[in-house]
Amino acid sequence: MQPRERIHQLVDDLPEQELPAVERFLRQREDGDPVLRALANAPDDDEELTPEEDAAVQEGLDAIERGDVVSSAELRRSLGL
């Protein structure tokens, strides 16, 4: 079996939850940016949201539901960009 075939088999055998980490690892080859590489290797943020953060998220979701938002294109136009 050739290396490419062995790699394909290893990927096929991976548990679904491990695929994002493998993808980040493989993409590092493409990304010469050390900051992007560091971000790709950063651990997942598993801290609970504070009540303030939770309220801010809910405020944003409520604004979206009300339609109280602008597109990025509209924002750029309003800023003259």
C-alpha atoms as a PDB file:
ATOM      1  CA  MET A   1       0.000   0.000   0.000  1.00  0.00           C
ATOM      2  CA  GLN A   2       1.355   3.409  -1.005  1.00  0.00           C
ATOM      3  CA  PRO A   3       1.731   6.232   1.569  1.00  0.00           C
ATOM      4  CA  ARG A   4      -1.196   8.194   0.098  1.00  0.00           C
ATOM      5  CA  GLU A   5      -3.431   5.124   0.382  1.00  0.00           C
ATOM      6  CA  ARG A   6      -2.331   4.509   3.981  1.00  0.00           C
ATOM      7  CA  ILE A   7      -3.039   8.145   4.838  1.00  0.00           C
ATOM      8  CA  HIS A   8      -6.490   7.937   3.243  1.00  0.00           C
ATOM      9  CA  GLN A   9      -7.215   4.803   5.267  1.00  0.00           C
ATOM     10  CA  LEU A  10      -6.062   6.456   8.488  1.00  0.00           C
ATOM     11  CA  VAL A  11      -8.301   9.447   7.805  1.00  0.00           C
ATOM     12  CA  ASP A  12     -11.243   7.188   6.980  1.00  0.00           C
ATOM     13  CA  ASP A  13     -10.771   5.425  10.323  1.00  0.00           C
ATOM     14  CA  LEU A  14     -10.697   8.631  12.407  1.00  0.00           C
ATOM     15  CA  PRO A  15     -13.575   9.393  14.757  1.00  0.00           C
ATOM     16  CA  GLU A  16     -15.715  12.274  13.450  1.00  0.00           C
ATOM     17  CA  GLN A  17     -14.819  14.566  16.368  1.00  0.00           C
ATOM     18  CA  GLU A  18     -11.097  14.386  15.527  1.00  0.00           C
ATOM     19  CA  LEU A  19     -11.475  15.517  11.910  1.00  0.00           C
ATOM     20  CA  PRO A  20     -11.381  19.298  12.599  1.00  0.00           C
ATOM     21  CA  ALA A  21      -8.047  18.971  14.430  1.00  0.00           C
ATOM     22  CA  VAL A  22      -6.574  16.892  11.602  1.00  0.00           C
ATOM     23  CA  GLU A  23      -7.800  19.417   9.048  1.00  0.00           C
ATOM     24  CA  ARG A  24      -6.146  22.271  10.984  1.00  0.00           C
ATOM     25  CA  PHE A  25      -2.923  20.288  11.132  1.00  0.00           C
ATOM     26  CA  LEU A  26      -2.918  19.556   7.407  1.00  0.00           C
ATOM     27  CA  ARG A  27      -3.755  23.149   6.497  1.00  0.00           C
ATOM     28  CA  GLN A  28      -0.703  24.372   8.397  1.00  0.00           C
ATOM     29  CA  ARG A  29       1.349  23.340   5.372  1.00  0.00           C
ATOM     30  CA  GLU A  30      -0.518  25.922   3.311  1.00  0.00           C
ATOM     31  CA  ASP A  31      -0.457  28.667   5.904  1.00  0.00           C
ATOM     32  CA  GLY A  32       2.938  30.294   6.152  1.00  0.00           C
ATOM     33  CA  ASP A  33       1.547  32.817   8.631  1.00  0.00           C
ATOM     34  CA  PRO A  34       2.826  31.959  12.136  1.00  0.00           C
ATOM     35  CA  VAL A  35      -0.136  33.731  13.753  1.00  0.00           C
ATOM     36  CA  LEU A  36      -2.614  31.604  11.802  1.00  0.00           C
ATOM     37  CA  ARG A  37      -0.593  28.533  12.697  1.00  0.00           C
ATOM     38  CA  ALA A  38      -0.682  29.489  16.397  1.00  0.00           C
ATOM     39  CA  LEU A  39      -4.428  30.068  16.249  1.00  0.00           C
ATOM     40  CA  ALA A  40      -4.970  26.730  14.539  1.00  0.00           C
ATOM     41  CA  ASN A  41      -3.064  25.022  17.355  1.00  0.00           C
ATOM     42  CA  ALA A  42      -4.751  26.917  20.169  1.00  0.00           C
ATOM     43  CA  PRO A  43      -6.861  24.775  22.471  1.00  0.00           C
ATOM     44  CA  ASP A  44     -10.622  25.069  22.269  1.00  0.00           C
ATOM     45  CA  ASP A  45     -12.136  27.597  24.651  1.00  0.00           C
ATOM     46  CA  ASP A  46     -14.134  25.457  27.022  1.00  0.00           C
ATOM     47  CA  GLU A  47     -14.870  28.090  29.662  1.00  0.00           C
ATOM     48  CA  GLU A  48     -18.470  28.830  30.531  1.00  0.00           C
ATOM     49  CA  LEU A  49     -19.853  32.192  29.444  1.00  0.00           C
ATOM     50  CA  THR A  50     -20.213  34.782  32.169  1.00  0.00           C
ATOM     51  CA  PRO A  51     -23.722  36.129  32.755  1.00  0.00           C
ATOM     52  CA  GLU A  52     -22.631  39.355  31.016  1.00  0.00           C
ATOM     53  CA  GLU A  53     -21.336  37.465  27.968  1.00  0.00           C
ATOM     54  CA  ASP A  54     -24.470  35.365  27.852  1.00  0.00           C
ATOM     55  CA  ALA A  55     -26.609  38.527  27.960  1.00  0.00           C
ATOM     56  CA  ALA A  56     -24.555  40.089  25.133  1.00  0.00           C
ATOM     57  CA  VAL A  57     -25.016  36.993  22.972  1.00  0.00           C
ATOM     58  CA  GLN A  58     -28.756  37.016  23.648  1.00  0.00           C
ATOM     59  CA  GLU A  59     -28.914  40.730  22.819  1.00  0.00           C
ATOM     60  CA  GLY A  60     -27.290  40.052  19.464  1.00  0.00           C
ATOM     61  CA  LEU A  61     -29.599  37.131  18.707  1.00  0.00           C
ATOM     62  CA  ASP A  62     -32.611  39.265  19.610  1.00  0.00           C
ATOM     63  CA  ALA A  63     -31.385  42.040  17.279  1.00  0.00           C
ATOM     64  CA  ILE A  64     -31.050  39.534  14.447  1.00  0.00           C
ATOM     65  CA  GLU A  65     -34.543  38.197  15.102  1.00  0.00           C
ATOM     66  CA  ARG A  66     -35.972  41.746  15.018  1.00  0.00           C
ATOM     67  CA  GLY A  67     -34.095  42.456  11.793  1.00  0.00           C
ATOM     68  CA  ASP A  68     -32.224  45.236  13.577  1.00  0.00           C
ATOM     69  CA  VAL A  69     -28.992  44.566  11.678  1.00  0.00           C
ATOM     70  CA  VAL A  70     -27.150  45.776   8.581  1.00  0.00           C
ATOM     71  CA  SER A  71     -25.150  43.757   6.109  1.00  0.00           C
ATOM     72  CA  SER A  72     -21.397  44.181   5.904  1.00  0.00           C
ATOM     73  CA  ALA A  73     -21.883  45.760   2.451  1.00  0.00           C
ATOM     74  CA  GLU A  74     -24.306  48.322   3.916  1.00  0.00           C
ATOM     75  CA  LEU A  75     -21.889  49.090   6.728  1.00  0.00           C
ATOM     76  CA  ARG A  76     -19.012  49.626   4.288  1.00  0.00           C
ATOM     77  CA  ARG A  77     -21.165  51.958   2.190  1.00  0.00           C
ATOM     78  CA  SER A  78     -22.215  53.964   5.230  1.00  0.00           C
ATOM     79  CA  LEU A  79     -18.549  54.297   6.234  1.00  0.00           C
ATOM     80  CA  GLY A  80     -17.543  55.281   2.712  1.00  0.00           C
ATOM     81  CA  LEU A  81     -15.354  52.238   2.213  1.00  0.00           C
END
